[in-house]
N, C-alpha and C. Protein backbone atom coordinates (compact mmCIF):
# COMPACT_ATOMS: atom_id res chain seq x y z
N ARG A 1 26.22 62.12 -62.39
CA ARG A 1 27.29 61.83 -63.07
C ARG A 1 28.69 62.22 -62.26
N PHE A 2 29.84 61.51 -62.74
CA PHE A 2 31.06 61.76 -62.02
C PHE A 2 31.71 62.83 -62.77
N SER A 3 32.43 63.72 -62.05
CA SER A 3 33.27 64.58 -62.91
C SER A 3 34.80 64.13 -62.84
N GLY A 4 35.47 64.50 -63.83
CA GLY A 4 36.76 64.13 -63.83
C GLY A 4 37.06 63.11 -64.99
N THR A 5 38.11 62.69 -65.11
CA THR A 5 38.55 61.53 -66.25
C THR A 5 38.64 60.21 -65.76
N PHE A 6 37.92 59.35 -66.44
CA PHE A 6 37.93 58.00 -66.08
C PHE A 6 39.18 57.25 -67.01
N ILE A 7 40.03 56.61 -66.34
CA ILE A 7 41.21 55.92 -67.23
C ILE A 7 40.71 54.64 -67.42
N GLY A 8 40.76 54.26 -68.37
CA GLY A 8 40.61 52.80 -68.90
C GLY A 8 39.24 52.59 -69.64
N ASN A 9 39.06 51.54 -70.40
CA ASN A 9 37.79 51.30 -71.00
C ASN A 9 37.47 49.79 -70.89
N ALA A 10 36.57 49.61 -70.05
CA ALA A 10 36.15 48.16 -70.06
C ALA A 10 35.61 47.46 -71.20
N GLU A 11 35.39 48.30 -72.35
CA GLU A 11 35.20 47.56 -73.76
C GLU A 11 36.21 47.18 -74.37
N SER A 12 37.33 47.84 -74.27
CA SER A 12 38.52 47.69 -75.09
C SER A 12 39.29 46.46 -74.72
N THR A 13 39.45 45.55 -75.93
CA THR A 13 40.24 44.38 -75.58
C THR A 13 41.75 44.37 -76.21
N SER A 14 41.94 45.58 -76.87
CA SER A 14 43.33 45.75 -77.42
C SER A 14 44.33 46.28 -76.56
N PRO A 15 45.50 45.61 -76.72
CA PRO A 15 46.68 46.21 -75.99
C PRO A 15 46.88 47.57 -76.14
N PRO A 16 47.61 48.31 -75.06
CA PRO A 16 48.01 49.76 -75.31
C PRO A 16 49.09 49.80 -76.33
N PRO A 17 49.08 50.98 -77.10
CA PRO A 17 50.05 51.15 -77.96
C PRO A 17 51.69 50.88 -77.47
N ALA A 18 52.48 50.21 -78.31
CA ALA A 18 53.67 49.92 -77.81
C ALA A 18 54.58 51.02 -77.47
N ALA A 19 54.14 52.26 -77.78
CA ALA A 19 55.20 53.46 -77.44
C ALA A 19 54.92 53.92 -76.15
N THR A 20 53.75 53.55 -75.53
CA THR A 20 53.41 54.07 -74.23
C THR A 20 53.85 52.90 -72.98
N SER A 21 54.24 51.74 -73.46
CA SER A 21 54.76 50.82 -72.53
C SER A 21 56.29 51.05 -72.22
N PRO A 22 56.72 50.73 -71.05
CA PRO A 22 58.22 50.89 -70.69
C PRO A 22 58.92 49.87 -71.59
N PRO A 23 60.27 50.18 -71.82
CA PRO A 23 61.00 49.31 -72.58
C PRO A 23 61.42 47.97 -71.76
N ALA A 24 61.29 46.94 -72.27
CA ALA A 24 61.55 45.58 -71.74
C ALA A 24 63.05 45.46 -71.55
N VAL A 25 63.58 44.88 -70.32
CA VAL A 25 64.96 44.79 -70.22
C VAL A 25 65.06 43.23 -70.07
N ALA A 26 66.01 42.73 -70.91
CA ALA A 26 66.38 41.29 -70.83
C ALA A 26 67.00 40.96 -69.76
N ALA A 27 66.83 39.91 -69.06
CA ALA A 27 67.46 39.42 -67.75
C ALA A 27 68.89 39.16 -68.07
N ALA A 28 69.22 38.85 -69.25
CA ALA A 28 70.72 38.56 -69.64
C ALA A 28 71.44 39.96 -69.56
N THR A 29 70.80 41.07 -69.75
CA THR A 29 71.51 42.41 -69.61
C THR A 29 71.87 42.74 -68.05
N LEU A 30 71.09 42.34 -67.17
CA LEU A 30 71.27 42.66 -65.73
C LEU A 30 72.51 41.99 -65.27
N PRO A 31 73.19 42.72 -64.39
CA PRO A 31 74.56 42.35 -63.86
C PRO A 31 74.35 41.08 -62.82
N ALA A 32 75.13 40.07 -62.90
CA ALA A 32 74.77 39.10 -61.87
C ALA A 32 75.32 39.34 -60.57
N VAL A 33 74.64 39.12 -59.58
CA VAL A 33 74.89 39.50 -58.27
C VAL A 33 75.56 38.12 -57.53
N PRO A 34 76.66 38.24 -57.17
CA PRO A 34 77.16 36.94 -56.54
C PRO A 34 76.63 36.68 -55.20
N THR A 35 76.51 35.37 -54.99
CA THR A 35 75.83 35.01 -53.67
C THR A 35 76.94 34.51 -52.75
N ILE A 36 76.83 34.81 -51.63
CA ILE A 36 77.85 34.52 -50.54
C ILE A 36 77.22 33.44 -49.71
N PRO A 37 77.52 32.17 -49.57
CA PRO A 37 76.87 31.37 -48.31
C PRO A 37 77.22 32.04 -47.21
N VAL A 38 76.01 32.02 -46.35
CA VAL A 38 76.22 32.58 -44.85
C VAL A 38 76.12 31.43 -43.95
N VAL A 39 77.21 31.07 -43.07
CA VAL A 39 77.08 30.02 -42.32
C VAL A 39 77.25 30.87 -40.90
N PRO A 40 76.09 30.76 -40.01
CA PRO A 40 76.07 31.37 -38.74
C PRO A 40 77.13 30.73 -37.90
N THR A 41 77.71 31.54 -37.20
CA THR A 41 78.72 30.96 -36.07
C THR A 41 78.53 31.77 -34.80
N ILE A 42 78.51 31.06 -33.75
CA ILE A 42 78.46 31.79 -32.52
C ILE A 42 79.74 31.64 -31.80
N VAL A 43 80.31 32.65 -31.33
CA VAL A 43 81.73 32.69 -30.66
C VAL A 43 81.61 31.81 -29.35
N GLY A 44 82.62 30.85 -29.21
CA GLY A 44 82.26 29.97 -28.21
C GLY A 44 81.58 28.90 -28.10
N VAL A 45 80.74 28.66 -29.05
CA VAL A 45 79.92 27.56 -29.17
C VAL A 45 80.01 26.96 -30.48
N PRO A 46 80.04 25.45 -30.25
CA PRO A 46 80.36 24.71 -31.40
C PRO A 46 79.29 24.98 -32.63
N ASN A 47 79.61 24.65 -33.71
CA ASN A 47 78.74 24.74 -34.96
C ASN A 47 77.51 23.96 -34.67
N THR A 48 77.45 22.92 -33.95
CA THR A 48 76.16 22.19 -33.90
C THR A 48 75.06 22.99 -33.40
N VAL A 49 75.17 23.91 -32.62
CA VAL A 49 74.17 24.87 -32.21
C VAL A 49 73.70 25.59 -33.39
N ALA A 50 74.63 26.09 -34.24
CA ALA A 50 74.00 27.09 -35.35
C ALA A 50 73.40 26.22 -36.33
N GLU A 51 73.82 24.83 -36.64
CA GLU A 51 73.05 24.00 -37.33
C GLU A 51 71.75 23.32 -36.80
N GLY A 52 71.24 23.76 -35.63
CA GLY A 52 69.94 23.25 -35.21
C GLY A 52 70.13 22.13 -34.31
N VAL A 53 71.27 21.52 -34.24
CA VAL A 53 71.48 20.38 -33.31
C VAL A 53 72.13 20.89 -32.07
N LEU A 54 71.71 20.69 -31.05
CA LEU A 54 72.27 21.19 -29.81
C LEU A 54 72.82 20.02 -28.83
N ASN A 55 74.07 19.99 -28.42
CA ASN A 55 74.59 19.02 -27.51
C ASN A 55 74.96 19.92 -26.37
N PRO A 56 74.14 19.94 -25.34
CA PRO A 56 74.16 20.82 -24.21
C PRO A 56 75.57 20.56 -23.42
N ASN A 57 76.29 19.30 -23.57
CA ASN A 57 77.54 19.13 -22.95
C ASN A 57 78.66 19.94 -23.55
N GLU A 58 78.35 20.25 -24.75
CA GLU A 58 79.56 21.10 -25.42
C GLU A 58 79.39 22.67 -25.33
N VAL A 59 78.20 22.99 -24.75
CA VAL A 59 77.89 24.46 -24.46
C VAL A 59 78.45 24.96 -23.33
N LYS A 60 79.26 26.16 -23.34
CA LYS A 60 79.78 26.72 -22.29
C LYS A 60 78.73 27.88 -21.86
N PRO A 61 78.58 28.12 -20.56
CA PRO A 61 77.54 29.30 -20.14
C PRO A 61 78.25 30.45 -20.56
N PRO A 62 77.44 31.49 -20.78
CA PRO A 62 78.11 32.98 -21.07
C PRO A 62 78.64 33.45 -20.01
N THR A 63 79.57 34.36 -20.11
CA THR A 63 80.12 35.11 -18.99
C THR A 63 79.13 35.90 -18.10
N SER A 64 78.04 36.46 -18.74
CA SER A 64 77.11 37.07 -18.14
C SER A 64 75.73 36.65 -18.84
N GLY A 65 74.79 36.95 -18.05
CA GLY A 65 73.39 36.65 -18.60
C GLY A 65 73.02 35.39 -18.08
N THR A 66 73.62 34.74 -16.99
CA THR A 66 72.81 33.40 -16.25
C THR A 66 72.01 33.96 -15.37
N ARG A 67 70.96 33.09 -15.26
CA ARG A 67 69.97 33.38 -14.12
C ARG A 67 69.54 32.35 -13.27
N LYS A 68 69.14 32.58 -12.12
CA LYS A 68 68.52 31.40 -11.37
C LYS A 68 67.10 31.32 -11.48
N ALA A 69 66.38 30.08 -11.53
CA ALA A 69 65.04 29.96 -11.87
C ALA A 69 64.53 28.79 -11.19
N ARG A 70 63.26 28.88 -10.54
CA ARG A 70 62.61 27.83 -9.78
C ARG A 70 61.77 27.03 -10.78
N VAL A 71 61.82 25.86 -10.69
CA VAL A 71 61.06 24.89 -11.51
C VAL A 71 59.60 24.97 -10.94
N LEU A 72 58.66 25.21 -11.86
CA LEU A 72 57.24 25.36 -11.41
C LEU A 72 56.60 23.94 -11.53
N TYR A 73 56.98 23.21 -12.45
CA TYR A 73 56.37 21.78 -12.73
C TYR A 73 57.55 20.78 -13.01
N ASP A 74 57.13 19.41 -12.54
CA ASP A 74 57.83 18.40 -13.20
C ASP A 74 57.93 18.27 -14.55
N TYR A 75 59.17 18.08 -15.16
CA TYR A 75 59.31 17.86 -16.57
C TYR A 75 60.18 16.68 -16.86
N GLU A 76 59.57 15.78 -17.73
CA GLU A 76 60.40 14.61 -18.18
C GLU A 76 61.21 14.95 -19.37
N ALA A 77 62.43 14.67 -19.51
CA ALA A 77 63.35 15.03 -20.63
C ALA A 77 62.88 14.07 -21.96
N ALA A 78 62.58 14.60 -23.08
CA ALA A 78 62.40 13.95 -24.12
C ALA A 78 63.53 12.95 -24.89
N ASP A 79 64.70 13.82 -24.73
CA ASP A 79 65.90 13.12 -25.33
C ASP A 79 67.07 13.56 -24.40
N SER A 80 68.28 13.18 -24.91
CA SER A 80 69.33 13.47 -24.33
C SER A 80 69.90 14.95 -24.23
N THR A 81 69.20 15.62 -25.08
CA THR A 81 69.53 17.16 -25.15
C THR A 81 68.85 18.10 -24.15
N GLU A 82 67.77 17.35 -23.48
CA GLU A 82 66.86 18.05 -22.51
C GLU A 82 67.27 17.57 -21.14
N LEU A 83 66.91 18.52 -20.22
CA LEU A 83 67.27 18.25 -18.76
C LEU A 83 65.88 17.97 -17.92
N ALA A 84 65.79 16.82 -17.28
CA ALA A 84 64.50 16.54 -16.72
C ALA A 84 64.62 17.46 -15.49
N LEU A 85 63.35 17.78 -15.15
CA LEU A 85 63.19 18.96 -13.89
C LEU A 85 62.19 18.26 -12.84
N LEU A 86 62.30 18.85 -11.59
CA LEU A 86 61.60 18.54 -10.51
C LEU A 86 60.93 19.80 -9.98
N ALA A 87 59.66 19.75 -9.76
CA ALA A 87 59.07 20.91 -9.24
C ALA A 87 59.68 21.45 -8.03
N ASP A 88 59.81 22.78 -7.89
CA ASP A 88 60.36 23.55 -6.70
C ASP A 88 62.03 23.41 -6.64
N GLU A 89 62.64 22.82 -7.61
CA GLU A 89 64.05 22.86 -7.54
C GLU A 89 64.64 24.19 -8.09
N MET A 90 65.91 24.50 -7.73
CA MET A 90 66.47 25.77 -8.21
C MET A 90 67.51 25.21 -9.31
N ILE A 91 67.61 25.96 -10.41
CA ILE A 91 68.44 25.71 -11.35
C ILE A 91 69.12 27.01 -11.98
N THR A 92 70.29 26.72 -12.73
CA THR A 92 70.79 28.13 -13.35
C THR A 92 70.40 27.92 -15.04
N VAL A 93 70.04 29.12 -15.38
CA VAL A 93 69.45 29.04 -16.75
C VAL A 93 70.27 30.04 -17.56
N TYR A 94 70.46 30.02 -18.89
CA TYR A 94 70.70 30.90 -19.91
C TYR A 94 70.29 30.67 -21.23
N SER A 95 70.23 31.64 -22.18
CA SER A 95 69.87 31.55 -23.54
C SER A 95 71.20 31.52 -24.35
N LEU A 96 71.05 31.07 -25.57
CA LEU A 96 72.13 31.09 -26.42
C LEU A 96 71.68 31.88 -27.78
N PRO A 97 72.48 32.57 -28.44
CA PRO A 97 71.95 33.36 -29.76
C PRO A 97 71.51 32.11 -30.71
N GLY A 98 70.51 32.43 -31.34
CA GLY A 98 70.03 31.64 -32.31
C GLY A 98 68.97 30.39 -31.80
N MET A 99 68.91 30.23 -30.52
CA MET A 99 68.18 29.17 -29.96
C MET A 99 66.69 29.69 -29.74
N ASP A 100 65.74 28.55 -29.99
CA ASP A 100 64.38 28.86 -29.67
C ASP A 100 63.96 29.54 -28.52
N PRO A 101 63.36 30.67 -28.75
CA PRO A 101 63.03 31.49 -27.49
C PRO A 101 62.12 30.81 -26.48
N ASP A 102 61.55 29.71 -26.75
CA ASP A 102 60.69 29.05 -25.91
C ASP A 102 61.49 28.00 -24.98
N TRP A 103 62.78 28.08 -25.26
CA TRP A 103 63.78 27.05 -24.44
C TRP A 103 64.89 27.96 -24.06
N LEU A 104 65.58 27.38 -22.92
CA LEU A 104 66.68 27.96 -22.29
C LEU A 104 67.54 26.75 -22.08
N ILE A 105 68.82 26.96 -21.82
CA ILE A 105 69.76 26.05 -21.25
C ILE A 105 69.82 25.93 -19.80
N GLY A 106 69.46 24.94 -19.19
CA GLY A 106 69.37 24.59 -17.60
C GLY A 106 70.67 24.10 -17.02
N GLU A 107 71.24 24.27 -15.96
CA GLU A 107 72.05 23.63 -15.24
C GLU A 107 71.79 23.20 -14.02
N ARG A 108 72.12 22.10 -13.67
CA ARG A 108 71.95 21.51 -12.21
C ARG A 108 73.07 20.78 -11.72
N GLY A 109 73.91 21.26 -11.02
CA GLY A 109 75.18 20.42 -10.72
C GLY A 109 76.08 20.30 -11.74
N ASN A 110 76.36 19.02 -12.13
CA ASN A 110 77.01 18.69 -13.35
C ASN A 110 76.37 18.41 -14.86
N GLN A 111 74.99 18.56 -14.60
CA GLN A 111 73.77 18.24 -15.47
C GLN A 111 73.61 19.42 -16.31
N LYS A 112 73.37 19.36 -17.73
CA LYS A 112 73.07 20.32 -18.45
C LYS A 112 72.17 19.93 -19.65
N GLY A 113 71.04 20.73 -19.93
CA GLY A 113 70.29 20.58 -20.97
C GLY A 113 69.23 21.62 -21.37
N LYS A 114 68.57 21.47 -22.57
CA LYS A 114 67.37 22.31 -22.84
C LYS A 114 66.19 22.21 -21.84
N VAL A 115 65.60 23.36 -21.50
CA VAL A 115 64.38 23.36 -20.50
C VAL A 115 63.50 24.34 -21.14
N PRO A 116 62.17 23.82 -21.10
CA PRO A 116 60.95 24.70 -21.61
C PRO A 116 60.96 25.95 -20.55
N VAL A 117 60.64 27.17 -21.12
CA VAL A 117 60.70 28.51 -20.47
C VAL A 117 59.44 28.26 -19.49
N THR A 118 58.43 27.93 -20.11
CA THR A 118 57.02 27.85 -19.43
C THR A 118 56.91 26.97 -18.07
N TYR A 119 57.84 26.26 -17.91
CA TYR A 119 58.04 25.52 -16.69
C TYR A 119 58.92 26.03 -15.49
N LEU A 120 59.39 27.32 -15.86
CA LEU A 120 60.34 28.05 -15.09
C LEU A 120 59.60 29.31 -14.44
N GLU A 121 60.09 29.70 -13.38
CA GLU A 121 59.99 31.12 -12.77
C GLU A 121 61.08 31.61 -12.71
N LEU A 122 61.52 32.81 -13.53
CA LEU A 122 62.97 33.41 -13.46
C LEU A 122 63.15 34.27 -12.33
N LEU A 123 64.18 34.22 -11.72
CA LEU A 123 64.38 34.84 -10.38
C LEU A 123 65.12 36.13 -10.56
N SER A 124 66.50 35.98 -10.88
CA SER A 124 67.23 37.20 -11.05
C SER A 124 67.68 37.55 -12.22
């Protein structure tokens, strides 16, 4: 036998008495909480980045946080927002707030575009 009190009765199908249940609060009596639309903005970066559309030509590199990277493998750009890469070339890379962590912005001369991190060896 178990000592102690067992709470509940598996055979009972009647609801508990109303006096023991907590008082119900109607949704209409709760104060309405105003919602404020949040539009992410990044200083110095056009809103196209915050909306998920990246035009690398409009992006300015950060004043700090750029790094050199050696390209490990050839990479063919899928669209105009990406930068095609050749193995063993050196490029400058940096990240932007809100950007997918698997990608960086790469620069080679006057060309700029997204590059996959897995194709790079970050040097400095």
